Amino acid sequence: MLIDIIRFLLGLKPVRYFFSAGIATIVDVVVYYLVYNHVLHQEELSIFNSMIFKAPTVALTCSYSCGLVTNFTITKYFVFHESELSGRIQLFRFILVAFVVLIANYYFMYFLINILGWFPTLSRAVSAISIGVFSFVAHRFFSFKI
């Protein structure tokens, strides 16, 4: 019975999509923690003694990149595997959508927090769900177009 429910749910593209996004988020957070605490030891990164980067920025860049690659890979092979576009085109489009989603999240959260006066955590949750639905549609009809 439970196995049948799981099979049914995994047969739905939106469920598989949000499952892959969840895994990518876990990868993002774990990589952030490891880079920030164990690679950088919470200290700035100095390159050629002239360029200095804050530890949170470097960790976020690394973790976001790993999460993006993870999300693309799982989405390509687990969610939208029937797309016949080349992998390079899919990746390029996926990154474009991810960039638009990042900007949309920022401005939507800004609106919810600063204009409507919502709490930041609630704003983040509403933004993530709303923009997540947009992201699914954009990837389905653009990044992994059939």
N, C-alpha and C. Protein backbone atom coordinates (compact mmCIF):
# COMPACT_ATOMS: atom_id res chain seq x y z
N MET A 1 0.82 -1.20 0.00
CA MET A 1 0.00 0.00 0.00
C MET A 1 0.87 1.27 0.00
N LEU A 2 1.80 1.36 0.95
CA LEU A 2 2.69 2.51 1.03
C LEU A 2 3.58 2.59 -0.20
N ILE A 3 4.05 1.44 -0.66
CA ILE A 3 4.90 1.40 -1.86
C ILE A 3 4.12 1.92 -3.07
N ASP A 4 2.85 1.57 -3.17
CA ASP A 4 2.03 2.04 -4.28
C ASP A 4 1.85 3.54 -4.24
N ILE A 5 1.67 4.09 -3.06
CA ILE A 5 1.53 5.54 -2.91
C ILE A 5 2.82 6.24 -3.31
N ILE A 6 3.95 5.70 -2.88
CA ILE A 6 5.25 6.28 -3.22
C ILE A 6 5.45 6.22 -4.73
N ARG A 7 5.15 5.08 -5.36
CA ARG A 7 5.28 4.94 -6.81
C ARG A 7 4.39 5.94 -7.54
N PHE A 8 3.16 6.10 -7.05
CA PHE A 8 2.24 7.06 -7.66
C PHE A 8 2.80 8.48 -7.57
N LEU A 9 3.25 8.86 -6.38
CA LEU A 9 3.79 10.21 -6.18
C LEU A 9 5.02 10.46 -7.03
N LEU A 10 5.92 9.48 -7.10
CA LEU A 10 7.13 9.65 -7.90
C LEU A 10 6.85 9.61 -9.40
N GLY A 11 5.65 9.20 -9.76
CA GLY A 11 5.24 9.25 -11.15
C GLY A 11 4.83 10.65 -11.59
N LEU A 12 4.64 11.53 -10.63
CA LEU A 12 4.23 12.90 -10.93
C LEU A 12 5.46 13.80 -11.06
N LYS A 13 5.58 14.47 -12.19
CA LYS A 13 6.74 15.34 -12.44
C LYS A 13 6.93 16.41 -11.36
N PRO A 14 5.87 17.11 -10.94
CA PRO A 14 6.09 18.13 -9.91
C PRO A 14 6.67 17.55 -8.61
N VAL A 15 6.24 16.38 -8.24
CA VAL A 15 6.77 15.75 -7.02
C VAL A 15 8.24 15.42 -7.21
N ARG A 16 8.58 14.85 -8.37
CA ARG A 16 9.99 14.54 -8.64
C ARG A 16 10.82 15.82 -8.70
N TYR A 17 10.25 16.88 -9.27
CA TYR A 17 10.97 18.15 -9.37
C TYR A 17 11.28 18.71 -7.98
N PHE A 18 10.28 18.77 -7.12
CA PHE A 18 10.50 19.33 -5.78
C PHE A 18 11.36 18.39 -4.93
N PHE A 19 11.32 17.11 -5.20
CA PHE A 19 12.22 16.16 -4.54
C PHE A 19 13.67 16.45 -4.92
N SER A 20 13.90 16.67 -6.22
CA SER A 20 15.26 16.99 -6.67
C SER A 20 15.72 18.32 -6.11
N ALA A 21 14.83 19.29 -6.04
CA ALA A 21 15.18 20.59 -5.46
C ALA A 21 15.53 20.45 -3.97
N GLY A 22 14.81 19.57 -3.29
CA GLY A 22 15.10 19.32 -1.88
C GLY A 22 16.48 18.71 -1.68
N ILE A 23 16.82 17.75 -2.51
CA ILE A 23 18.15 17.14 -2.43
C ILE A 23 19.23 18.18 -2.73
N ALA A 24 19.00 19.00 -3.75
CA ALA A 24 19.97 20.04 -4.09
C ALA A 24 20.13 21.04 -2.95
N THR A 25 19.05 21.35 -2.26
CA THR A 25 19.12 22.27 -1.12
C THR A 25 19.95 21.66 0.01
N ILE A 26 19.77 20.38 0.24
CA ILE A 26 20.58 19.70 1.27
C ILE A 26 22.05 19.74 0.90
N VAL A 27 22.36 19.47 -0.37
CA VAL A 27 23.75 19.55 -0.84
C VAL A 27 24.29 20.96 -0.64
N ASP A 28 23.51 21.96 -1.01
CA ASP A 28 23.91 23.36 -0.86
C ASP A 28 24.26 23.67 0.61
N VAL A 29 23.39 23.32 1.51
CA VAL A 29 23.59 23.63 2.93
C VAL A 29 24.80 22.89 3.50
N VAL A 30 24.93 21.62 3.16
CA VAL A 30 26.07 20.82 3.67
C VAL A 30 27.39 21.37 3.13
N VAL A 31 27.45 21.67 1.83
CA VAL A 31 28.68 22.23 1.26
C VAL A 31 28.99 23.58 1.90
N TYR A 32 27.98 24.40 2.12
CA TYR A 32 28.20 25.70 2.76
C TYR A 32 28.84 25.50 4.14
N TYR A 33 28.26 24.60 4.92
CA TYR A 33 28.77 24.33 6.26
C TYR A 33 30.23 23.85 6.20
N LEU A 34 30.50 22.90 5.32
CA LEU A 34 31.85 22.34 5.22
C LEU A 34 32.87 23.37 4.76
N VAL A 35 32.53 24.14 3.73
CA VAL A 35 33.48 25.14 3.22
C VAL A 35 33.69 26.24 4.25
N TYR A 36 32.61 26.74 4.82
CA TYR A 36 32.71 27.84 5.78
C TYR A 36 33.49 27.45 7.04
N ASN A 37 33.18 26.27 7.58
CA ASN A 37 33.75 25.87 8.86
C ASN A 37 35.05 25.07 8.75
N HIS A 38 35.17 24.21 7.74
CA HIS A 38 36.29 23.29 7.70
C HIS A 38 37.33 23.59 6.61
N VAL A 39 36.94 24.32 5.59
CA VAL A 39 37.90 24.70 4.55
C VAL A 39 38.45 26.09 4.85
N LEU A 40 37.55 27.03 5.06
CA LEU A 40 37.97 28.41 5.32
C LEU A 40 38.20 28.71 6.80
N HIS A 41 37.69 27.83 7.66
CA HIS A 41 37.79 28.03 9.11
C HIS A 41 37.25 29.40 9.51
N GLN A 42 36.17 29.82 8.84
CA GLN A 42 35.45 31.07 9.09
C GLN A 42 36.33 32.31 8.91
N GLU A 43 37.37 32.19 8.10
CA GLU A 43 38.29 33.31 7.87
C GLU A 43 38.20 33.78 6.42
N GLU A 44 38.59 35.02 6.19
CA GLU A 44 38.59 35.58 4.85
C GLU A 44 39.54 34.80 3.94
N LEU A 45 39.28 34.88 2.65
CA LEU A 45 40.14 34.25 1.66
C LEU A 45 40.90 35.36 0.95
N SER A 46 42.21 35.29 1.00
CA SER A 46 43.05 36.30 0.35
C SER A 46 43.72 35.66 -0.86
N ILE A 47 43.57 36.32 -2.01
CA ILE A 47 44.18 35.84 -3.24
C ILE A 47 45.22 36.86 -3.69
N PHE A 48 46.45 36.42 -3.81
CA PHE A 48 47.58 37.28 -4.21
C PHE A 48 47.74 38.50 -3.29
N ASN A 49 47.31 38.37 -2.07
CA ASN A 49 47.39 39.44 -1.07
C ASN A 49 46.74 40.75 -1.51
N SER A 50 45.92 40.70 -2.54
CA SER A 50 45.29 41.94 -3.00
C SER A 50 43.76 41.83 -3.07
N MET A 51 43.26 40.63 -3.28
CA MET A 51 41.82 40.44 -3.33
C MET A 51 41.40 39.65 -2.10
N ILE A 52 40.50 40.23 -1.32
CA ILE A 52 40.04 39.58 -0.10
C ILE A 52 38.54 39.33 -0.21
N PHE A 53 38.17 38.08 0.06
CA PHE A 53 36.77 37.68 0.01
C PHE A 53 36.33 37.21 1.39
N LYS A 54 35.17 37.64 1.82
CA LYS A 54 34.62 37.21 3.11
C LYS A 54 34.26 35.73 3.04
N ALA A 55 34.44 35.04 4.14
CA ALA A 55 34.17 33.61 4.20
C ALA A 55 32.73 33.26 3.81
N PRO A 56 31.73 33.98 4.28
CA PRO A 56 30.36 33.63 3.88
C PRO A 56 30.13 33.74 2.37
N THR A 57 30.76 34.71 1.73
CA THR A 57 30.60 34.88 0.30
C THR A 57 31.24 33.73 -0.47
N VAL A 58 32.44 33.34 -0.07
CA VAL A 58 33.12 32.23 -0.74
C VAL A 58 32.35 30.93 -0.53
N ALA A 59 31.91 30.71 0.70
CA ALA A 59 31.16 29.49 1.01
C ALA A 59 29.85 29.44 0.23
N LEU A 60 29.16 30.59 0.13
CA LEU A 60 27.91 30.64 -0.62
C LEU A 60 28.14 30.38 -2.11
N THR A 61 29.20 30.93 -2.66
CA THR A 61 29.51 30.71 -4.07
C THR A 61 29.75 29.22 -4.33
N CYS A 62 30.53 28.59 -3.48
CA CYS A 62 30.81 27.16 -3.63
C CYS A 62 29.54 26.32 -3.46
N SER A 63 28.79 26.61 -2.40
CA SER A 63 27.62 25.79 -2.10
C SER A 63 26.52 25.97 -3.14
N TYR A 64 26.31 27.22 -3.58
CA TYR A 64 25.28 27.47 -4.59
C TYR A 64 25.64 26.76 -5.89
N SER A 65 26.91 26.78 -6.25
CA SER A 65 27.36 26.09 -7.47
C SER A 65 27.14 24.59 -7.36
N CYS A 66 27.49 24.01 -6.24
CA CYS A 66 27.28 22.56 -6.05
C CYS A 66 25.79 22.22 -6.05
N GLY A 67 24.98 23.04 -5.42
CA GLY A 67 23.54 22.81 -5.41
C GLY A 67 22.95 22.93 -6.80
N LEU A 68 23.43 23.89 -7.57
CA LEU A 68 22.95 24.10 -8.93
C LEU A 68 23.28 22.90 -9.82
N VAL A 69 24.51 22.42 -9.74
CA VAL A 69 24.92 21.25 -10.54
C VAL A 69 24.13 20.01 -10.12
N THR A 70 23.96 19.84 -8.82
CA THR A 70 23.18 18.70 -8.31
C THR A 70 21.75 18.78 -8.82
N ASN A 71 21.14 19.96 -8.68
CA ASN A 71 19.76 20.14 -9.11
C ASN A 71 19.62 19.90 -10.61
N PHE A 72 20.55 20.44 -11.40
CA PHE A 72 20.48 20.23 -12.85
C PHE A 72 20.57 18.74 -13.19
N THR A 73 21.53 18.06 -12.59
CA THR A 73 21.75 16.65 -12.91
C THR A 73 20.53 15.80 -12.56
N ILE A 74 20.01 15.98 -11.36
CA ILE A 74 18.84 15.19 -10.95
C ILE A 74 17.63 15.55 -11.80
N THR A 75 17.44 16.84 -12.04
CA THR A 75 16.28 17.28 -12.83
C THR A 75 16.36 16.74 -14.25
N LYS A 76 17.56 16.78 -14.83
CA LYS A 76 17.75 16.30 -16.20
C LYS A 76 17.44 14.81 -16.33
N TYR A 77 17.93 14.01 -15.41
CA TYR A 77 17.80 12.56 -15.55
C TYR A 77 16.61 11.95 -14.82
N PHE A 78 16.06 12.64 -13.83
CA PHE A 78 14.99 12.07 -13.01
C PHE A 78 13.64 12.70 -13.30
N VAL A 79 13.63 13.95 -13.75
CA VAL A 79 12.36 14.64 -13.94
C VAL A 79 12.04 14.83 -15.42
N PHE A 80 12.96 15.43 -16.17
CA PHE A 80 12.69 15.78 -17.56
C PHE A 80 13.59 14.99 -18.51
N HIS A 81 13.70 13.70 -18.31
CA HIS A 81 14.61 12.84 -19.08
C HIS A 81 14.22 12.69 -20.54
N GLU A 82 12.98 13.05 -20.89
CA GLU A 82 12.55 12.86 -22.28
C GLU A 82 12.96 14.01 -23.21
N SER A 83 13.53 15.06 -22.66
CA SER A 83 13.97 16.18 -23.49
C SER A 83 15.11 15.76 -24.40
N GLU A 84 15.04 16.19 -25.66
CA GLU A 84 16.06 15.83 -26.64
C GLU A 84 17.04 16.96 -26.91
N LEU A 85 16.93 18.07 -26.17
CA LEU A 85 17.90 19.16 -26.32
C LEU A 85 19.27 18.67 -25.86
N SER A 86 20.32 19.24 -26.41
CA SER A 86 21.66 18.84 -25.97
C SER A 86 21.87 19.27 -24.52
N GLY A 87 22.73 18.55 -23.83
CA GLY A 87 23.00 18.83 -22.43
C GLY A 87 23.52 20.24 -22.21
N ARG A 88 24.35 20.74 -23.14
CA ARG A 88 24.88 22.11 -23.01
C ARG A 88 23.77 23.15 -23.07
N ILE A 89 22.83 22.95 -23.99
CA ILE A 89 21.69 23.88 -24.11
C ILE A 89 20.84 23.81 -22.85
N GLN A 90 20.58 22.60 -22.39
CA GLN A 90 19.79 22.43 -21.17
C GLN A 90 20.46 23.13 -19.99
N LEU A 91 21.78 22.93 -19.84
CA LEU A 91 22.49 23.54 -18.72
C LEU A 91 22.46 25.06 -18.82
N PHE A 92 22.69 25.60 -20.01
CA PHE A 92 22.65 27.04 -20.20
C PHE A 92 21.28 27.60 -19.83
N ARG A 93 20.24 26.97 -20.33
CA ARG A 93 18.88 27.42 -20.02
C ARG A 93 18.56 27.25 -18.52
N PHE A 94 19.03 26.16 -17.95
CA PHE A 94 18.81 25.91 -16.52
C PHE A 94 19.44 27.02 -15.69
N ILE A 95 20.65 27.42 -16.04
CA ILE A 95 21.34 28.49 -15.32
C ILE A 95 20.60 29.82 -15.50
N LEU A 96 20.12 30.08 -16.72
CA LEU A 96 19.33 31.31 -16.95
C LEU A 96 18.09 31.34 -16.05
N VAL A 97 17.37 30.23 -16.01
CA VAL A 97 16.17 30.17 -15.16
C VAL A 97 16.57 30.33 -13.69
N ALA A 98 17.65 29.68 -13.29
CA ALA A 98 18.10 29.79 -11.89
C ALA A 98 18.43 31.24 -11.53
N PHE A 99 19.04 31.95 -12.46
CA PHE A 99 19.36 33.36 -12.23
C PHE A 99 18.08 34.19 -12.09
N VAL A 100 17.12 33.97 -12.99
CA VAL A 100 15.84 34.68 -12.91
C VAL A 100 15.13 34.35 -11.60
N VAL A 101 15.17 33.09 -11.21
CA VAL A 101 14.53 32.66 -9.96
C VAL A 101 15.20 33.33 -8.75
N LEU A 102 16.51 33.43 -8.77
CA LEU A 102 17.23 34.09 -7.68
C LEU A 102 16.80 35.55 -7.56
N ILE A 103 16.75 36.25 -8.67
CA ILE A 103 16.35 37.66 -8.68
C ILE A 103 14.87 37.79 -8.25
N ALA A 104 14.02 36.92 -8.78
CA ALA A 104 12.60 36.97 -8.43
C ALA A 104 12.40 36.71 -6.94
N ASN A 105 13.14 35.75 -6.39
CA ASN A 105 13.06 35.48 -4.95
C ASN A 105 13.42 36.72 -4.15
N TYR A 106 14.50 37.37 -4.54
CA TYR A 106 14.96 38.56 -3.82
C TYR A 106 13.88 39.64 -3.81
N TYR A 107 13.36 39.96 -4.99
CA TYR A 107 12.38 41.05 -5.08
C TYR A 107 11.03 40.67 -4.46
N PHE A 108 10.63 39.42 -4.59
CA PHE A 108 9.37 39.00 -3.98
C PHE A 108 9.49 39.06 -2.46
N MET A 109 10.62 38.59 -1.94
CA MET A 109 10.83 38.67 -0.49
C MET A 109 10.89 40.14 -0.04
N TYR A 110 11.56 40.98 -0.81
CA TYR A 110 11.62 42.41 -0.49
C TYR A 110 10.21 42.98 -0.39
N PHE A 111 9.37 42.65 -1.37
CA PHE A 111 7.99 43.11 -1.37
C PHE A 111 7.23 42.62 -0.14
N LEU A 112 7.33 41.34 0.14
CA LEU A 112 6.60 40.77 1.28
C LEU A 112 7.06 41.36 2.61
N ILE A 113 8.37 41.54 2.76
CA ILE A 113 8.92 42.02 4.03
C ILE A 113 8.76 43.54 4.17
N ASN A 114 9.19 44.28 3.17
CA ASN A 114 9.25 45.74 3.30
C ASN A 114 7.97 46.46 2.91
N ILE A 115 7.18 45.92 2.04
CA ILE A 115 5.94 46.58 1.62
C ILE A 115 4.75 46.07 2.43
N LEU A 116 4.64 44.74 2.53
CA LEU A 116 3.50 44.17 3.26
C LEU A 116 3.77 43.98 4.75
N GLY A 117 5.05 44.05 5.15
CA GLY A 117 5.39 43.93 6.57
C GLY A 117 5.35 42.51 7.12
N TRP A 118 5.52 41.51 6.26
CA TRP A 118 5.51 40.12 6.72
C TRP A 118 6.82 39.79 7.43
N PHE A 119 6.77 38.75 8.24
CA PHE A 119 7.98 38.26 8.90
C PHE A 119 8.91 37.63 7.85
N PRO A 120 10.22 37.81 7.99
CA PRO A 120 11.16 37.30 6.99
C PRO A 120 11.06 35.79 6.75
N THR A 121 10.91 35.00 7.80
CA THR A 121 10.86 33.55 7.62
C THR A 121 9.61 33.13 6.85
N LEU A 122 8.48 33.72 7.19
CA LEU A 122 7.25 33.43 6.45
C LEU A 122 7.38 33.89 5.00
N SER A 123 7.99 35.05 4.81
CA SER A 123 8.21 35.57 3.46
C SER A 123 9.07 34.63 2.65
N ARG A 124 10.10 34.09 3.28
CA ARG A 124 10.99 33.15 2.57
C ARG A 124 10.24 31.89 2.16
N ALA A 125 9.41 31.37 3.05
CA ALA A 125 8.65 30.16 2.75
C ALA A 125 7.66 30.41 1.61
N VAL A 126 6.91 31.51 1.67
CA VAL A 126 5.94 31.82 0.62
C VAL A 126 6.66 32.07 -0.70
N SER A 127 7.76 32.77 -0.64
CA SER A 127 8.54 33.04 -1.84
C SER A 127 9.07 31.75 -2.44
N ALA A 128 9.61 30.88 -1.62
CA ALA A 128 10.18 29.62 -2.12
C ALA A 128 9.12 28.77 -2.82
N ILE A 129 7.94 28.70 -2.25
CA ILE A 129 6.88 27.89 -2.86
C ILE A 129 6.38 28.54 -4.15
N SER A 130 6.12 29.84 -4.09
CA SER A 130 5.60 30.55 -5.27
C SER A 130 6.59 30.53 -6.42
N ILE A 131 7.82 30.88 -6.13
CA ILE A 131 8.84 30.92 -7.17
C ILE A 131 9.19 29.50 -7.60
N GLY A 132 9.07 28.53 -6.70
CA GLY A 132 9.31 27.13 -7.04
C GLY A 132 8.36 26.63 -8.11
N VAL A 133 7.10 27.05 -8.03
CA VAL A 133 6.12 26.67 -9.04
C VAL A 133 6.50 27.30 -10.38
N PHE A 134 6.87 28.58 -10.36
CA PHE A 134 7.33 29.24 -11.59
C PHE A 134 8.55 28.52 -12.16
N SER A 135 9.47 28.15 -11.30
CA SER A 135 10.69 27.46 -11.71
C SER A 135 10.37 26.14 -12.41
N PHE A 136 9.45 25.37 -11.83
CA PHE A 136 9.06 24.10 -12.44
C PHE A 136 8.53 24.33 -13.86
N VAL A 137 7.64 25.30 -14.01
CA VAL A 137 7.04 25.58 -15.32
C VAL A 137 8.12 26.06 -16.30
N ALA A 138 9.00 26.94 -15.84
CA ALA A 138 10.06 27.45 -16.72
C ALA A 138 10.99 26.33 -17.17
N HIS A 139 11.36 25.44 -16.26
CA HIS A 139 12.23 24.33 -16.65
C HIS A 139 11.51 23.36 -17.58
N ARG A 140 10.26 23.13 -17.31
CA ARG A 140 9.51 22.18 -18.13
C ARG A 140 9.36 22.65 -19.58
N PHE A 141 9.07 23.95 -19.74
CA PHE A 141 8.78 24.45 -21.08
C PHE A 141 9.94 25.22 -21.73
N PHE A 142 11.03 25.42 -20.98
CA PHE A 142 12.17 26.15 -21.55
C PHE A 142 13.46 25.35 -21.43
N SER A 143 13.88 25.06 -20.22
CA SER A 143 15.17 24.39 -20.02
C SER A 143 15.20 22.99 -20.62
N PHE A 144 14.11 22.25 -20.41
CA PHE A 144 14.05 20.86 -20.86
C PHE A 144 12.92 20.66 -21.86
N LYS A 145 12.74 21.64 -22.71
CA LYS A 145 11.67 21.62 -23.71
C LYS A 145 11.77 20.36 -24.56
N ILE A 146 10.60 19.78 -24.82
CA ILE A 146 10.56 18.57 -25.65
C ILE A 146 10.38 18.97 -27.09
